[in-house]
N, C-alpha and C. Protein backbone atom coordinates (compact mmCIF):
# COMPACT_ATOMS: atom_id res chain seq x y z
N MET A 1 117.98 124.87 115.72
CA MET A 1 117.97 123.90 116.78
C MET A 1 117.52 122.55 116.22
N LEU A 2 118.05 121.47 116.80
CA LEU A 2 117.71 120.13 116.36
C LEU A 2 117.47 119.26 117.58
N LYS A 3 116.33 118.59 117.61
CA LYS A 3 116.04 117.63 118.66
C LYS A 3 116.26 116.24 118.08
N ILE A 4 117.00 115.41 118.83
CA ILE A 4 117.33 114.06 118.39
C ILE A 4 116.80 113.09 119.43
N THR A 5 115.96 112.15 118.99
CA THR A 5 115.39 111.17 119.91
C THR A 5 115.66 109.77 119.38
N PHE A 6 116.28 108.94 120.21
CA PHE A 6 116.53 107.54 119.87
C PHE A 6 115.48 106.70 120.58
N GLN A 7 114.89 105.75 119.85
CA GLN A 7 113.90 104.88 120.46
C GLN A 7 114.12 103.46 119.94
N ASP A 8 114.27 102.52 120.86
CA ASP A 8 114.38 101.12 120.48
C ASP A 8 112.99 100.55 120.27
N THR A 9 112.80 99.87 119.16
CA THR A 9 111.52 99.24 118.83
C THR A 9 111.79 97.77 118.52
N PRO A 10 110.76 96.96 118.43
CA PRO A 10 110.98 95.56 118.06
C PRO A 10 111.63 95.41 116.68
N GLU A 11 111.44 96.40 115.81
CA GLU A 11 112.00 96.34 114.46
C GLU A 11 113.45 96.84 114.41
N GLY A 12 113.94 97.49 115.45
CA GLY A 12 115.28 98.05 115.46
C GLY A 12 115.31 99.36 116.22
N THR A 13 116.11 100.30 115.74
CA THR A 13 116.23 101.61 116.38
C THR A 13 115.65 102.67 115.47
N GLU A 14 114.81 103.54 116.04
CA GLU A 14 114.29 104.68 115.29
C GLU A 14 114.93 105.94 115.85
N VAL A 15 115.43 106.77 114.95
CA VAL A 15 116.02 108.05 115.31
C VAL A 15 115.14 109.13 114.72
N LYS A 16 114.53 109.93 115.58
CA LYS A 16 113.63 111.00 115.12
C LYS A 16 114.35 112.33 115.24
N LEU A 17 114.36 113.07 114.14
CA LEU A 17 114.96 114.40 114.12
C LEU A 17 113.85 115.43 113.99
N GLU A 18 113.98 116.54 114.74
CA GLU A 18 113.02 117.63 114.67
C GLU A 18 113.79 118.95 114.64
N GLY A 19 113.56 119.75 113.61
CA GLY A 19 114.21 121.05 113.49
C GLY A 19 115.12 121.12 112.28
N LYS A 20 116.23 121.86 112.43
CA LYS A 20 117.14 122.09 111.32
C LYS A 20 118.41 121.26 111.47
N LEU A 21 118.73 120.52 110.41
CA LEU A 21 119.99 119.77 110.37
C LEU A 21 120.98 120.64 109.61
N ALA A 22 121.58 121.58 110.35
CA ALA A 22 122.46 122.57 109.74
C ALA A 22 123.45 123.07 110.79
N GLY A 23 124.57 123.60 110.30
CA GLY A 23 125.55 124.22 111.20
C GLY A 23 126.01 123.26 112.29
N PRO A 24 126.04 123.73 113.54
CA PRO A 24 126.56 122.91 114.64
C PRO A 24 125.71 121.67 114.93
N TRP A 25 124.47 121.67 114.44
CA TRP A 25 123.59 120.54 114.71
C TRP A 25 123.98 119.31 113.91
N VAL A 26 124.68 119.49 112.81
CA VAL A 26 125.18 118.34 112.04
C VAL A 26 126.20 117.60 112.89
N GLU A 27 127.12 118.34 113.47
CA GLU A 27 128.13 117.73 114.34
C GLU A 27 127.49 117.07 115.56
N GLU A 28 126.46 117.69 116.10
CA GLU A 28 125.76 117.12 117.26
C GLU A 28 125.09 115.80 116.88
N LEU A 29 124.47 115.73 115.71
CA LEU A 29 123.86 114.49 115.27
C LEU A 29 124.93 113.42 115.08
N GLU A 30 126.05 113.79 114.49
CA GLU A 30 127.12 112.82 114.28
C GLU A 30 127.65 112.29 115.61
N ARG A 31 127.82 113.19 116.58
CA ARG A 31 128.29 112.78 117.91
C ARG A 31 127.28 111.85 118.57
N SER A 32 126.01 112.22 118.53
CA SER A 32 124.96 111.39 119.13
C SER A 32 124.88 110.04 118.43
N TRP A 33 124.98 110.06 117.11
CA TRP A 33 124.93 108.83 116.34
C TRP A 33 126.07 107.90 116.75
N THR A 34 127.27 108.45 116.88
CA THR A 34 128.43 107.65 117.27
C THR A 34 128.24 107.04 118.66
N GLU A 35 127.72 107.84 119.58
CA GLU A 35 127.50 107.35 120.95
C GLU A 35 126.42 106.29 121.03
N HIS A 36 125.38 106.41 120.21
CA HIS A 36 124.25 105.49 120.26
C HIS A 36 124.25 104.49 119.12
N SER A 37 125.37 104.38 118.44
CA SER A 37 125.44 103.54 117.24
C SER A 37 124.97 102.12 117.56
N PRO A 38 123.93 101.66 116.85
CA PRO A 38 123.38 100.32 117.10
C PRO A 38 124.25 99.22 116.50
N GLN A 39 123.90 97.99 116.82
CA GLN A 39 124.58 96.83 116.26
C GLN A 39 124.49 96.87 114.74
N ALA A 40 125.51 96.36 114.07
CA ALA A 40 125.53 96.38 112.61
C ALA A 40 124.35 95.61 112.01
N SER A 41 123.87 94.59 112.71
CA SER A 41 122.78 93.78 112.17
C SER A 41 121.40 94.39 112.45
N GLU A 42 121.36 95.44 113.22
CA GLU A 42 120.09 96.03 113.63
C GLU A 42 119.57 97.01 112.57
N ASN A 43 118.25 96.99 112.36
CA ASN A 43 117.63 97.95 111.45
C ASN A 43 117.60 99.33 112.10
N VAL A 44 117.94 100.34 111.33
CA VAL A 44 117.88 101.71 111.82
C VAL A 44 117.05 102.53 110.85
N ILE A 45 116.07 103.24 111.39
CA ILE A 45 115.23 104.11 110.60
C ILE A 45 115.38 105.53 111.13
N MET A 46 115.77 106.44 110.25
CA MET A 46 115.92 107.84 110.61
C MET A 46 114.68 108.56 110.10
N ASP A 47 113.90 109.11 111.04
CA ASP A 47 112.66 109.80 110.70
C ASP A 47 112.95 111.29 110.52
N LEU A 48 112.85 111.75 109.29
CA LEU A 48 113.11 113.15 108.96
C LEU A 48 111.82 113.95 108.77
N SER A 49 110.69 113.38 109.20
CA SER A 49 109.39 114.01 108.96
C SER A 49 109.27 115.41 109.53
N ASP A 50 109.95 115.68 110.64
CA ASP A 50 109.85 117.00 111.28
C ASP A 50 111.11 117.84 111.09
N VAL A 51 111.91 117.52 110.08
CA VAL A 51 113.08 118.32 109.76
C VAL A 51 112.64 119.43 108.80
N THR A 52 113.02 120.67 109.11
CA THR A 52 112.59 121.81 108.30
C THR A 52 113.65 122.29 107.32
N TYR A 53 114.92 121.89 107.52
CA TYR A 53 115.99 122.35 106.63
C TYR A 53 117.18 121.41 106.79
N ILE A 54 117.86 121.10 105.69
CA ILE A 54 119.08 120.30 105.71
C ILE A 54 120.12 121.00 104.86
N ASP A 55 121.24 121.38 105.47
CA ASP A 55 122.30 122.06 104.71
C ASP A 55 123.20 121.01 104.04
N PRO A 56 124.14 121.44 103.20
CA PRO A 56 125.00 120.48 102.48
C PRO A 56 125.78 119.54 103.41
N GLU A 57 126.27 120.04 104.55
CA GLU A 57 126.98 119.18 105.50
C GLU A 57 126.04 118.13 106.08
N GLY A 58 124.80 118.53 106.34
CA GLY A 58 123.80 117.59 106.82
C GLY A 58 123.53 116.49 105.80
N LYS A 59 123.46 116.87 104.53
CA LYS A 59 123.25 115.88 103.47
C LYS A 59 124.42 114.90 103.41
N ARG A 60 125.64 115.41 103.58
CA ARG A 60 126.81 114.53 103.54
C ARG A 60 126.77 113.54 104.71
N LEU A 61 126.38 114.01 105.90
CA LEU A 61 126.27 113.11 107.04
C LEU A 61 125.21 112.05 106.78
N LEU A 62 124.06 112.44 106.27
CA LEU A 62 123.01 111.48 105.98
C LEU A 62 123.47 110.47 104.93
N THR A 63 124.25 110.92 103.96
CA THR A 63 124.79 110.02 102.94
C THR A 63 125.70 108.98 103.58
N ARG A 64 126.54 109.40 104.52
CA ARG A 64 127.41 108.44 105.23
C ARG A 64 126.56 107.43 106.01
N MET A 65 125.46 107.90 106.56
CA MET A 65 124.57 107.00 107.30
C MET A 65 123.92 105.98 106.36
N VAL A 66 123.54 106.42 105.16
CA VAL A 66 122.98 105.49 104.17
C VAL A 66 124.00 104.40 103.85
N GLU A 67 125.25 104.80 103.72
CA GLU A 67 126.31 103.85 103.41
C GLU A 67 126.48 102.82 104.53
N LYS A 68 126.02 103.14 105.74
CA LYS A 68 126.09 102.21 106.87
C LYS A 68 124.78 101.46 107.05
N GLY A 69 123.84 101.62 106.10
CA GLY A 69 122.62 100.84 106.12
C GLY A 69 121.41 101.50 106.74
N VAL A 70 121.50 102.76 107.09
CA VAL A 70 120.36 103.46 107.68
C VAL A 70 119.30 103.70 106.61
N CYS A 71 118.03 103.52 106.98
CA CYS A 71 116.90 103.82 106.11
C CYS A 71 116.27 105.12 106.59
N PHE A 72 115.66 105.86 105.67
CA PHE A 72 115.06 107.14 106.01
C PHE A 72 113.59 107.16 105.70
N LYS A 73 112.86 107.97 106.46
CA LYS A 73 111.47 108.25 106.11
C LYS A 73 111.22 109.72 106.33
N GLY A 74 110.33 110.26 105.53
CA GLY A 74 109.98 111.67 105.63
C GLY A 74 108.65 111.90 104.96
N THR A 75 107.94 112.94 105.38
CA THR A 75 106.61 113.18 104.83
C THR A 75 106.53 114.47 104.02
N HIS A 76 107.40 115.43 104.28
CA HIS A 76 107.35 116.70 103.57
C HIS A 76 108.08 116.60 102.24
N LEU A 77 107.72 117.44 101.31
CA LEU A 77 108.31 117.43 99.98
C LEU A 77 109.83 117.58 100.05
N MET A 78 110.32 118.51 100.87
CA MET A 78 111.76 118.74 100.98
C MET A 78 112.48 117.50 101.49
N THR A 79 111.97 116.89 102.55
CA THR A 79 112.66 115.72 103.10
C THR A 79 112.57 114.54 102.14
N LYS A 80 111.46 114.38 101.45
CA LYS A 80 111.35 113.31 100.46
C LYS A 80 112.37 113.51 99.35
N TYR A 81 112.54 114.75 98.91
CA TYR A 81 113.51 115.06 97.85
C TYR A 81 114.93 114.73 98.32
N VAL A 82 115.27 115.16 99.54
CA VAL A 82 116.61 114.91 100.07
C VAL A 82 116.84 113.41 100.22
N ILE A 83 115.87 112.69 100.74
CA ILE A 83 116.00 111.25 100.90
C ILE A 83 116.23 110.59 99.54
N ASP A 84 115.45 110.98 98.55
CA ASP A 84 115.62 110.43 97.21
C ASP A 84 117.01 110.76 96.66
N GLU A 85 117.44 111.99 96.85
CA GLU A 85 118.73 112.42 96.34
C GLU A 85 119.88 111.63 96.95
N ILE A 86 119.89 111.47 98.27
CA ILE A 86 121.03 110.81 98.90
C ILE A 86 120.98 109.29 98.77
N THR A 87 119.81 108.71 98.66
CA THR A 87 119.75 107.26 98.53
C THR A 87 119.96 106.81 97.08
N ARG A 88 119.66 107.68 96.14
CA ARG A 88 119.81 107.32 94.74
C ARG A 88 121.21 107.62 94.21
N VAL A 89 121.72 108.79 94.50
CA VAL A 89 122.99 109.22 93.91
C VAL A 89 124.08 109.45 94.92
N GLY A 90 123.76 109.83 96.14
CA GLY A 90 124.77 110.23 97.09
C GLY A 90 125.17 111.66 96.87
N ILE A 91 125.90 112.22 97.79
CA ILE A 91 126.37 113.59 97.69
C ILE A 91 127.89 113.56 97.66
N PRO A 92 128.52 113.87 96.53
CA PRO A 92 129.98 113.90 96.48
C PRO A 92 130.53 114.88 97.51
N SER A 93 131.66 114.53 98.13
CA SER A 93 132.20 115.34 99.23
C SER A 93 132.58 116.74 98.80
N GLY A 94 132.88 116.96 97.54
CA GLY A 94 133.27 118.29 97.09
C GLY A 94 132.12 119.13 96.58
N ARG A 95 130.90 118.64 96.63
CA ARG A 95 129.76 119.36 96.04
C ARG A 95 129.36 120.55 96.89
N ASN A 96 129.10 121.65 96.23
CA ASN A 96 128.60 122.84 96.90
C ASN A 96 127.15 123.01 96.54
N GLY A 97 126.43 123.71 97.37
CA GLY A 97 125.03 123.96 97.08
C GLY A 97 124.16 123.38 98.15
N GLY A 98 122.82 123.53 97.99
CA GLY A 98 121.97 123.05 99.06
C GLY A 98 120.65 122.72 98.62
């Protein structure tokens, strides 16, 4: 299960994720993101601090978000690793693994 919360702040939009970004929840995040997509000039911060698992499809979606200017924050070792991985190198679309 994945909980998605959008909050407008003076700095821009914060998107807080809680739970697992895997399976059908990747598609749900993409749908929600499309519906709530902020202005191109607006800062967007995706808070992954309460995400417990990210599958390869989730990583690919987050990579596409990075390409659109989204910034990420996370506090757990796993989320910090994923953030570093997708912001530094990206995830090739054909890559398998997790």
